[in-house]
Amino acid sequence: MRHGKKVNHLGRTDSHRKAMLANMATSLIKHKRISTTLAKAKALRTYVEPLITKSKNDTTHSRRTVFSYLQDKEVVTILFREVAEKVANRPGGYTRIIKLNNRQGDNAEMALIELVDYNEVYGKDVEAKEEKKTTRRGRSKAAPKAAEAKADTTEEVATEEAPAKEEQKGE
């Protein structure tokens, strides 16, 4: 039984699991979002969020600690410069997991894990929905206005044609 054991072993040895999570964390920091299985995404969240929290404090010790996990100088630089700057005011919850459709081959639950502050698409969708609500008009209100507009134009056309016909008769 697994009472009180919080680590998901993901069917791998300890060294393989640590290497896989380090590589996935590197990819997440480089690309800002990756697609993986749901179990790996949840394990990656617990792995990468403490590293992002450490990156808020830019000291030599925290850089070396993070480097011991990631083993990639470029990614550590990106994490401490770009990512830490964006998440400076956020108290936690730096990643978002979005469930996707199951994988075709083995029906595994797939998920998209991304850094919250780097998703521009999600913010745009929310704004677009708000704009649609403010500009949308009900069908019942639009129908009478259209009928009134058509009636106004037909009256104007009739009044313009009538004087022209009277002038022709007078000549």
N, C-alpha and C. Protein backbone atom coordinates (compact mmCIF):
# COMPACT_ATOMS: atom_id res chain seq x y z
N MET A 1 0.83 -1.19 0.00
CA MET A 1 0.00 0.00 0.00
C MET A 1 0.87 1.25 0.00
N ARG A 2 0.32 2.37 -0.51
CA ARG A 2 1.10 3.59 -0.66
C ARG A 2 0.70 4.65 0.36
N HIS A 3 0.40 4.26 1.59
CA HIS A 3 -0.04 5.23 2.58
C HIS A 3 1.03 6.28 2.83
N GLY A 4 0.65 7.57 2.67
CA GLY A 4 1.54 8.66 3.01
C GLY A 4 2.69 8.89 2.05
N LYS A 5 2.68 8.25 0.90
CA LYS A 5 3.75 8.42 -0.08
C LYS A 5 3.26 9.35 -1.19
N LYS A 6 3.82 10.56 -1.22
CA LYS A 6 3.31 11.58 -2.13
C LYS A 6 3.94 11.54 -3.51
N VAL A 7 5.09 10.91 -3.68
CA VAL A 7 5.80 10.93 -4.96
C VAL A 7 5.18 9.93 -5.91
N ASN A 8 4.82 10.41 -7.11
CA ASN A 8 4.36 9.51 -8.16
C ASN A 8 5.59 9.00 -8.89
N HIS A 9 5.83 7.70 -8.84
CA HIS A 9 7.05 7.14 -9.41
C HIS A 9 7.02 7.07 -10.93
N LEU A 10 5.86 7.17 -11.53
CA LEU A 10 5.71 7.20 -12.99
C LEU A 10 6.31 5.98 -13.67
N GLY A 11 6.40 4.87 -12.96
CA GLY A 11 6.91 3.63 -13.55
C GLY A 11 8.38 3.70 -13.92
N ARG A 12 9.17 4.50 -13.20
CA ARG A 12 10.57 4.69 -13.53
C ARG A 12 11.43 4.58 -12.27
N THR A 13 12.71 4.34 -12.48
CA THR A 13 13.64 4.36 -11.35
C THR A 13 13.84 5.80 -10.89
N ASP A 14 14.43 5.98 -9.74
CA ASP A 14 14.62 7.31 -9.17
C ASP A 14 15.47 8.19 -10.08
N SER A 15 16.59 7.66 -10.58
CA SER A 15 17.48 8.46 -11.43
C SER A 15 16.81 8.82 -12.76
N HIS A 16 16.08 7.85 -13.32
CA HIS A 16 15.39 8.11 -14.59
C HIS A 16 14.29 9.17 -14.40
N ARG A 17 13.56 9.07 -13.31
CA ARG A 17 12.49 10.03 -13.04
C ARG A 17 13.05 11.44 -12.85
N LYS A 18 14.14 11.57 -12.10
CA LYS A 18 14.74 12.88 -11.88
C LYS A 18 15.25 13.48 -13.18
N ALA A 19 15.88 12.65 -14.01
CA ALA A 19 16.39 13.14 -15.30
C ALA A 19 15.24 13.57 -16.21
N MET A 20 14.17 12.77 -16.23
CA MET A 20 13.02 13.10 -17.07
C MET A 20 12.36 14.41 -16.62
N LEU A 21 12.17 14.58 -15.33
CA LEU A 21 11.55 15.80 -14.82
C LEU A 21 12.44 17.02 -15.06
N ALA A 22 13.77 16.84 -14.96
CA ALA A 22 14.68 17.94 -15.25
C ALA A 22 14.58 18.35 -16.72
N ASN A 23 14.51 17.38 -17.61
CA ASN A 23 14.39 17.67 -19.04
C ASN A 23 13.05 18.32 -19.35
N MET A 24 11.98 17.85 -18.72
CA MET A 24 10.66 18.44 -18.96
C MET A 24 10.61 19.87 -18.41
N ALA A 25 11.23 20.11 -17.26
CA ALA A 25 11.26 21.45 -16.69
C ALA A 25 12.05 22.39 -17.60
N THR A 26 13.15 21.89 -18.16
CA THR A 26 13.94 22.67 -19.11
C THR A 26 13.11 23.05 -20.32
N SER A 27 12.39 22.10 -20.86
CA SER A 27 11.53 22.37 -22.03
C SER A 27 10.42 23.34 -21.69
N LEU A 28 9.85 23.21 -20.51
CA LEU A 28 8.77 24.11 -20.09
C LEU A 28 9.28 25.54 -19.98
N ILE A 29 10.45 25.73 -19.42
CA ILE A 29 10.99 27.08 -19.26
C ILE A 29 11.39 27.66 -20.61
N LYS A 30 11.93 26.84 -21.50
CA LYS A 30 12.32 27.31 -22.83
C LYS A 30 11.11 27.69 -23.67
N HIS A 31 10.13 26.78 -23.74
CA HIS A 31 9.02 26.93 -24.68
C HIS A 31 7.76 27.50 -24.06
N LYS A 32 7.72 27.65 -22.75
CA LYS A 32 6.61 28.22 -21.98
C LYS A 32 5.38 27.33 -21.92
N ARG A 33 5.31 26.29 -22.73
CA ARG A 33 4.21 25.31 -22.63
C ARG A 33 4.64 24.01 -23.31
N ILE A 34 4.22 22.89 -22.72
CA ILE A 34 4.51 21.60 -23.32
C ILE A 34 3.30 20.70 -23.16
N SER A 35 3.19 19.72 -24.03
CA SER A 35 2.11 18.75 -23.98
C SER A 35 2.68 17.42 -23.50
N THR A 36 2.04 16.82 -22.51
CA THR A 36 2.51 15.56 -21.94
C THR A 36 1.32 14.83 -21.33
N THR A 37 1.59 13.70 -20.68
CA THR A 37 0.49 12.99 -20.03
C THR A 37 0.10 13.74 -18.75
N LEU A 38 -1.10 13.49 -18.30
CA LEU A 38 -1.62 14.19 -17.12
C LEU A 38 -0.79 13.87 -15.88
N ALA A 39 -0.40 12.61 -15.70
CA ALA A 39 0.38 12.22 -14.53
C ALA A 39 1.74 12.92 -14.52
N LYS A 40 2.39 12.98 -15.70
CA LYS A 40 3.69 13.65 -15.78
C LYS A 40 3.54 15.15 -15.57
N ALA A 41 2.46 15.74 -16.05
CA ALA A 41 2.22 17.17 -15.86
C ALA A 41 2.06 17.50 -14.38
N LYS A 42 1.33 16.66 -13.66
CA LYS A 42 1.14 16.90 -12.23
C LYS A 42 2.46 16.73 -11.47
N ALA A 43 3.26 15.74 -11.87
CA ALA A 43 4.56 15.55 -11.23
C ALA A 43 5.50 16.72 -11.56
N LEU A 44 5.42 17.21 -12.79
CA LEU A 44 6.27 18.32 -13.20
C LEU A 44 5.91 19.60 -12.46
N ARG A 45 4.64 19.79 -12.18
CA ARG A 45 4.23 20.99 -11.45
C ARG A 45 4.89 21.03 -10.07
N THR A 46 4.89 19.91 -9.37
CA THR A 46 5.52 19.88 -8.04
C THR A 46 7.03 20.01 -8.13
N TYR A 47 7.61 19.72 -9.28
CA TYR A 47 9.06 19.81 -9.47
C TYR A 47 9.48 21.24 -9.83
N VAL A 48 8.72 21.90 -10.71
CA VAL A 48 9.17 23.16 -11.28
C VAL A 48 8.74 24.39 -10.46
N GLU A 49 7.63 24.30 -9.75
CA GLU A 49 7.17 25.48 -9.02
C GLU A 49 8.13 25.91 -7.91
N PRO A 50 8.73 25.01 -7.13
CA PRO A 50 9.73 25.47 -6.16
C PRO A 50 10.95 26.11 -6.83
N LEU A 51 11.30 25.64 -8.02
CA LEU A 51 12.43 26.25 -8.74
C LEU A 51 12.10 27.68 -9.16
N ILE A 52 10.88 27.90 -9.60
CA ILE A 52 10.46 29.25 -9.98
C ILE A 52 10.43 30.16 -8.75
N THR A 53 9.99 29.63 -7.63
CA THR A 53 9.99 30.41 -6.39
C THR A 53 11.42 30.79 -6.01
N LYS A 54 12.37 29.85 -6.16
CA LYS A 54 13.77 30.16 -5.87
C LYS A 54 14.32 31.22 -6.80
N SER A 55 13.84 31.26 -8.03
CA SER A 55 14.36 32.22 -9.01
C SER A 55 13.98 33.65 -8.68
N LYS A 56 12.99 33.86 -7.82
CA LYS A 56 12.62 35.22 -7.43
C LYS A 56 13.75 35.91 -6.66
N ASN A 57 14.52 35.11 -5.91
CA ASN A 57 15.64 35.64 -5.14
C ASN A 57 16.92 35.38 -5.93
N ASP A 58 17.41 36.38 -6.64
CA ASP A 58 18.54 36.20 -7.55
C ASP A 58 19.86 36.32 -6.79
N THR A 59 20.26 35.22 -6.18
CA THR A 59 21.56 35.17 -5.50
C THR A 59 22.36 34.03 -6.10
N THR A 60 23.64 34.04 -5.83
CA THR A 60 24.51 32.98 -6.35
C THR A 60 24.08 31.62 -5.80
N HIS A 61 23.70 31.59 -4.54
CA HIS A 61 23.29 30.33 -3.93
C HIS A 61 22.03 29.78 -4.60
N SER A 62 21.03 30.63 -4.84
CA SER A 62 19.79 30.14 -5.46
C SER A 62 20.04 29.73 -6.91
N ARG A 63 20.92 30.43 -7.62
CA ARG A 63 21.26 30.04 -8.99
C ARG A 63 21.92 28.66 -9.01
N ARG A 64 22.83 28.43 -8.07
CA ARG A 64 23.52 27.13 -8.02
C ARG A 64 22.57 26.01 -7.62
N THR A 65 21.65 26.32 -6.73
CA THR A 65 20.66 25.31 -6.32
C THR A 65 19.79 24.92 -7.49
N VAL A 66 19.30 25.92 -8.24
CA VAL A 66 18.45 25.64 -9.40
C VAL A 66 19.24 24.92 -10.48
N PHE A 67 20.50 25.31 -10.67
CA PHE A 67 21.33 24.65 -11.68
C PHE A 67 21.55 23.18 -11.34
N SER A 68 21.61 22.85 -10.05
CA SER A 68 21.79 21.45 -9.66
C SER A 68 20.60 20.59 -10.07
N TYR A 69 19.43 21.23 -10.19
CA TYR A 69 18.24 20.51 -10.64
C TYR A 69 18.15 20.46 -12.17
N LEU A 70 18.42 21.57 -12.84
CA LEU A 70 18.15 21.67 -14.28
C LEU A 70 19.34 21.30 -15.15
N GLN A 71 20.57 21.55 -14.72
CA GLN A 71 21.77 21.20 -15.48
C GLN A 71 21.82 21.85 -16.86
N ASP A 72 21.36 23.10 -16.98
CA ASP A 72 21.40 23.81 -18.25
C ASP A 72 21.55 25.31 -17.97
N LYS A 73 22.71 25.85 -18.33
CA LYS A 73 23.01 27.25 -18.00
C LYS A 73 22.05 28.22 -18.69
N GLU A 74 21.73 27.95 -19.95
CA GLU A 74 20.85 28.86 -20.70
C GLU A 74 19.47 28.94 -20.06
N VAL A 75 18.95 27.80 -19.65
CA VAL A 75 17.62 27.76 -19.05
C VAL A 75 17.62 28.46 -17.69
N VAL A 76 18.70 28.28 -16.93
CA VAL A 76 18.80 28.96 -15.64
C VAL A 76 18.81 30.48 -15.86
N THR A 77 19.52 30.92 -16.89
CA THR A 77 19.55 32.35 -17.21
C THR A 77 18.17 32.86 -17.60
N ILE A 78 17.45 32.11 -18.43
CA ILE A 78 16.09 32.50 -18.83
C ILE A 78 15.18 32.55 -17.61
N LEU A 79 15.31 31.55 -16.75
CA LEU A 79 14.47 31.47 -15.56
C LEU A 79 14.70 32.67 -14.64
N PHE A 80 15.94 33.03 -14.40
CA PHE A 80 16.22 34.11 -13.46
C PHE A 80 16.00 35.50 -14.07
N ARG A 81 16.11 35.64 -15.37
CA ARG A 81 15.91 36.96 -15.99
C ARG A 81 14.46 37.20 -16.38
N GLU A 82 13.95 36.36 -17.28
CA GLU A 82 12.62 36.61 -17.85
C GLU A 82 11.48 36.13 -16.95
N VAL A 83 11.54 34.86 -16.58
CA VAL A 83 10.43 34.25 -15.86
C VAL A 83 10.28 34.87 -14.47
N ALA A 84 11.39 35.04 -13.75
CA ALA A 84 11.32 35.60 -12.40
C ALA A 84 10.77 37.02 -12.42
N GLU A 85 11.09 37.76 -13.47
CA GLU A 85 10.58 39.13 -13.60
C GLU A 85 9.06 39.15 -13.75
N LYS A 86 8.54 38.19 -14.52
CA LYS A 86 7.09 38.15 -14.76
C LYS A 86 6.31 37.66 -13.54
N VAL A 87 6.90 36.76 -12.77
CA VAL A 87 6.17 36.17 -11.64
C VAL A 87 6.51 36.83 -10.31
N ALA A 88 7.18 37.97 -10.36
CA ALA A 88 7.67 38.61 -9.13
C ALA A 88 6.54 38.90 -8.15
N ASN A 89 5.37 39.30 -8.61
CA ASN A 89 4.27 39.66 -7.72
C ASN A 89 3.32 38.50 -7.42
N ARG A 90 3.52 37.37 -8.08
CA ARG A 90 2.62 36.22 -7.90
C ARG A 90 3.06 35.39 -6.71
N PRO A 91 2.15 35.08 -5.78
CA PRO A 91 2.54 34.33 -4.58
C PRO A 91 2.67 32.83 -4.79
N GLY A 92 2.40 32.33 -5.94
CA GLY A 92 2.49 30.90 -6.23
C GLY A 92 1.59 30.58 -7.40
N GLY A 93 1.48 29.31 -7.76
CA GLY A 93 0.62 28.92 -8.87
C GLY A 93 1.14 29.43 -10.19
N TYR A 94 2.39 29.11 -10.50
CA TYR A 94 3.02 29.63 -11.70
C TYR A 94 2.67 28.83 -12.94
N THR A 95 2.12 27.63 -12.77
CA THR A 95 1.80 26.79 -13.91
C THR A 95 0.31 26.50 -13.97
N ARG A 96 -0.15 26.19 -15.17
CA ARG A 96 -1.55 25.83 -15.39
C ARG A 96 -1.57 24.52 -16.16
N ILE A 97 -2.41 23.59 -15.73
CA ILE A 97 -2.57 22.31 -16.42
C ILE A 97 -3.95 22.29 -17.07
N ILE A 98 -3.97 22.08 -18.38
CA ILE A 98 -5.22 22.01 -19.14
C ILE A 98 -5.33 20.61 -19.71
N LYS A 99 -6.42 19.94 -19.39
CA LYS A 99 -6.61 18.57 -19.89
C LYS A 99 -6.97 18.62 -21.37
N LEU A 100 -6.40 17.68 -22.13
CA LEU A 100 -6.66 17.55 -23.55
C LEU A 100 -7.35 16.21 -23.81
N ASN A 101 -7.62 15.92 -25.07
CA ASN A 101 -8.21 14.63 -25.43
C ASN A 101 -7.21 13.51 -25.15
N ASN A 102 -7.72 12.31 -25.01
CA ASN A 102 -6.85 11.17 -24.77
C ASN A 102 -6.01 10.88 -26.01
N ARG A 103 -4.81 10.32 -25.78
CA ARG A 103 -3.89 10.01 -26.87
C ARG A 103 -4.45 8.86 -27.70
N GLN A 104 -4.29 8.96 -29.00
CA GLN A 104 -4.88 7.99 -29.93
C GLN A 104 -4.35 6.57 -29.71
N GLY A 105 -3.05 6.41 -29.57
CA GLY A 105 -2.46 5.07 -29.54
C GLY A 105 -2.80 4.26 -28.31
N ASP A 106 -2.67 4.85 -27.12
CA ASP A 106 -2.86 4.08 -25.90
C ASP A 106 -3.93 4.65 -24.98
N ASN A 107 -4.65 5.66 -25.44
CA ASN A 107 -5.77 6.27 -24.70
C ASN A 107 -5.30 6.89 -23.38
N ALA A 108 -4.05 7.36 -23.35
CA ALA A 108 -3.53 8.00 -22.15
C ALA A 108 -4.11 9.41 -22.02
N GLU A 109 -4.38 9.83 -20.79
CA GLU A 109 -4.90 11.18 -20.56
C GLU A 109 -3.79 12.18 -20.85
N MET A 110 -4.03 13.11 -21.76
CA MET A 110 -3.03 14.10 -22.13
C MET A 110 -3.37 15.44 -21.49
N ALA A 111 -2.34 16.25 -21.32
CA ALA A 111 -2.52 17.56 -20.71
C ALA A 111 -1.50 18.54 -21.29
N LEU A 112 -1.87 19.81 -21.22
CA LEU A 112 -0.98 20.89 -21.62
C LEU A 112 -0.58 21.62 -20.36
N ILE A 113 0.70 21.69 -20.08
CA ILE A 113 1.17 22.44 -18.90
C ILE A 113 1.89 23.68 -19.43
N GLU A 114 1.56 24.82 -18.83
CA GLU A 114 2.12 26.08 -19.33
C GLU A 114 2.38 27.02 -18.17
N LEU A 115 3.25 27.98 -18.42
CA LEU A 115 3.50 29.04 -17.45
C LEU A 115 2.37 30.05 -17.57
N VAL A 116 1.74 30.37 -16.46
CA VAL A 116 0.52 31.18 -16.46
C VAL A 116 0.74 32.56 -17.07
N ASP A 117 1.82 33.22 -16.72
CA ASP A 117 2.04 34.60 -17.15
C ASP A 117 2.43 34.73 -18.61
N TYR A 118 2.70 33.63 -19.30
CA TYR A 118 3.12 33.70 -20.69
C TYR A 118 2.00 33.34 -21.66
N ASN A 119 0.81 33.12 -21.20
CA ASN A 119 -0.28 32.74 -22.09
C ASN A 119 -1.07 33.98 -22.49
N GLU A 120 -0.79 34.52 -23.68
CA GLU A 120 -1.52 35.69 -24.18
C GLU A 120 -2.87 35.28 -24.77
N VAL A 121 -2.93 34.08 -25.30
CA VAL A 121 -4.16 33.62 -25.96
C VAL A 121 -5.31 33.54 -24.97
N TYR A 122 -5.04 33.03 -23.77
CA TYR A 122 -6.09 32.87 -22.77
C TYR A 122 -6.67 34.22 -22.39
N GLY A 123 -5.84 35.22 -22.22
CA GLY A 123 -6.32 36.56 -21.88
C GLY A 123 -7.12 37.18 -23.00
N LYS A 124 -6.72 36.93 -24.26
CA LYS A 124 -7.43 37.51 -25.41
C LYS A 124 -8.82 36.90 -25.55
N ASP A 125 -8.94 35.61 -25.29
CA ASP A 125 -10.26 34.97 -25.39
C ASP A 125 -11.24 35.58 -24.40
N VAL A 126 -10.77 35.86 -23.21
CA VAL A 126 -11.64 36.44 -22.19
C VAL A 126 -12.08 37.83 -22.62
N GLU A 127 -11.14 38.63 -23.16
CA GLU A 127 -11.49 39.97 -23.61
C GLU A 127 -12.45 39.91 -24.79
N ALA A 128 -12.24 38.98 -25.71
CA ALA A 128 -13.10 38.87 -26.87
C ALA A 128 -14.53 38.52 -26.46
N LYS A 129 -14.68 37.64 -25.48
CA LYS A 129 -16.01 37.27 -25.02
C LYS A 129 -16.71 38.47 -24.38
N GLU A 130 -15.96 39.28 -23.65
CA GLU A 130 -16.56 40.46 -23.03
C GLU A 130 -17.01 41.45 -24.09
N GLU A 131 -16.22 41.63 -25.15
CA GLU A 131 -16.60 42.54 -26.22
C GLU A 131 -17.85 42.06 -26.92
N LYS A 132 -17.96 40.78 -27.16
CA LYS A 132 -19.14 40.25 -27.84
C LYS A 132 -20.40 40.50 -27.02
N LYS A 133 -20.29 40.39 -25.71
CA LYS A 133 -21.45 40.61 -24.85
C LYS A 133 -21.92 42.06 -24.94
N THR A 134 -21.01 43.00 -25.03
CA THR A 134 -21.40 44.41 -25.03
C THR A 134 -21.94 44.85 -26.38
N THR A 135 -21.46 44.26 -27.49
CA THR A 135 -21.90 44.71 -28.80
C THR A 135 -23.05 43.89 -29.35
N ARG A 136 -23.39 42.81 -28.73
CA ARG A 136 -24.43 41.94 -29.27
C ARG A 136 -25.80 42.53 -28.98
N ARG A 137 -26.68 42.44 -29.96
CA ARG A 137 -28.05 42.93 -29.79
C ARG A 137 -29.02 41.77 -29.97
N GLY A 138 -30.13 41.87 -29.28
CA GLY A 138 -31.13 40.82 -29.39
C GLY A 138 -31.84 40.87 -30.72
N ARG A 139 -32.36 39.77 -31.16
CA ARG A 139 -33.01 39.69 -32.45
C ARG A 139 -34.31 40.48 -32.48
N SER A 140 -35.06 40.46 -31.38
CA SER A 140 -36.35 41.13 -31.36
C SER A 140 -36.20 42.64 -31.48
N LYS A 141 -35.12 43.21 -30.95
CA LYS A 141 -34.92 44.65 -31.04
C LYS A 141 -34.47 45.05 -32.44
N ALA A 142 -33.71 44.21 -33.10
CA ALA A 142 -33.16 44.56 -34.41
C ALA A 142 -34.23 44.51 -35.49
N ALA A 143 -35.20 43.63 -35.39
CA ALA A 143 -36.22 43.48 -36.43
C ALA A 143 -37.10 44.72 -36.58
N PRO A 144 -37.65 45.33 -35.52
CA PRO A 144 -38.46 46.53 -35.70
C PRO A 144 -37.67 47.72 -36.24
N LYS A 145 -36.42 47.87 -35.82
CA LYS A 145 -35.61 48.97 -36.31
C LYS A 145 -35.37 48.84 -37.81
N ALA A 146 -35.13 47.63 -38.27
CA ALA A 146 -34.90 47.41 -39.69
C ALA A 146 -36.17 47.73 -40.48
N ALA A 147 -37.32 47.35 -39.96
CA ALA A 147 -38.58 47.64 -40.64
C ALA A 147 -38.82 49.14 -40.70
N GLU A 148 -38.54 49.87 -39.62
CA GLU A 148 -38.70 51.32 -39.61
C GLU A 148 -37.77 51.98 -40.60
N ALA A 149 -36.54 51.50 -40.67
CA ALA A 149 -35.57 52.08 -41.59
C ALA A 149 -36.02 51.89 -43.04
N LYS A 150 -36.57 50.71 -43.37
CA LYS A 150 -37.06 50.46 -44.72
C LYS A 150 -38.25 51.36 -45.03
N ALA A 151 -39.13 51.56 -44.07
CA ALA A 151 -40.30 52.41 -44.29
C ALA A 151 -39.88 53.85 -44.52
N ASP A 152 -38.90 54.35 -43.78
CA ASP A 152 -38.40 55.71 -43.97
C ASP A 152 -37.83 55.91 -45.36
N THR A 153 -37.07 54.96 -45.85
CA THR A 153 -36.45 55.10 -47.17
C THR A 153 -37.51 55.06 -48.27
N THR A 154 -38.54 54.26 -48.14
CA THR A 154 -39.58 54.21 -49.17
C THR A 154 -40.38 55.51 -49.19
N GLU A 155 -40.62 56.14 -48.05
CA GLU A 155 -41.33 57.41 -48.02
C GLU A 155 -40.52 58.51 -48.69
N GLU A 156 -39.20 58.53 -48.44
CA GLU A 156 -38.35 59.53 -49.05
C GLU A 156 -38.34 59.38 -50.56
N VAL A 157 -38.25 58.15 -51.05
CA VAL A 157 -38.24 57.90 -52.49
C VAL A 157 -39.56 58.35 -53.10
N ALA A 158 -40.67 58.07 -52.44
CA ALA A 158 -41.99 58.45 -52.97
C ALA A 158 -42.14 59.97 -53.01
N THR A 159 -41.67 60.67 -52.00
CA THR A 159 -41.80 62.13 -52.00
C THR A 159 -40.90 62.77 -53.03
N GLU A 160 -39.75 62.19 -53.33
CA GLU A 160 -38.87 62.74 -54.34
C GLU A 160 -39.42 62.53 -55.74
N GLU A 161 -40.08 61.42 -56.00
CA GLU A 161 -40.60 61.12 -57.34
C GLU A 161 -41.88 61.90 -57.62
N ALA A 162 -42.68 62.17 -56.63
CA ALA A 162 -43.96 62.84 -56.84
C ALA A 162 -43.80 64.25 -57.42
N PRO A 163 -42.97 65.13 -56.93
CA PRO A 163 -42.84 66.45 -57.52
C PRO A 163 -42.30 66.39 -58.93
N ALA A 164 -41.46 65.44 -59.23
CA ALA A 164 -40.92 65.33 -60.59
C ALA A 164 -42.02 65.02 -61.57
N LYS A 165 -42.99 64.20 -61.22
CA LYS A 165 -44.08 63.84 -62.12
C LYS A 165 -45.01 65.02 -62.33
N GLU A 166 -45.24 65.84 -61.28
CA GLU A 166 -46.11 67.00 -61.40
C GLU A 166 -45.50 68.03 -62.32
N GLU A 167 -44.17 68.22 -62.29
CA GLU A 167 -43.51 69.19 -63.15
C GLU A 167 -43.64 68.77 -64.61
N GLN A 168 -43.61 67.48 -64.91
CA GLN A 168 -43.71 67.01 -66.27
C GLN A 168 -45.12 67.27 -66.82
N LYS A 169 -46.15 67.15 -65.99
CA LYS A 169 -47.52 67.39 -66.42
C LYS A 169 -47.73 68.86 -66.71
N GLY A 170 -47.12 69.76 -65.95
CA GLY A 170 -47.31 71.20 -66.11
C GLY A 170 -46.70 71.69 -67.40
N GLU A 171 -45.74 71.11 -67.97
CA GLU A 171 -45.09 71.58 -69.17
C GLU A 171 -45.94 71.25 -70.33
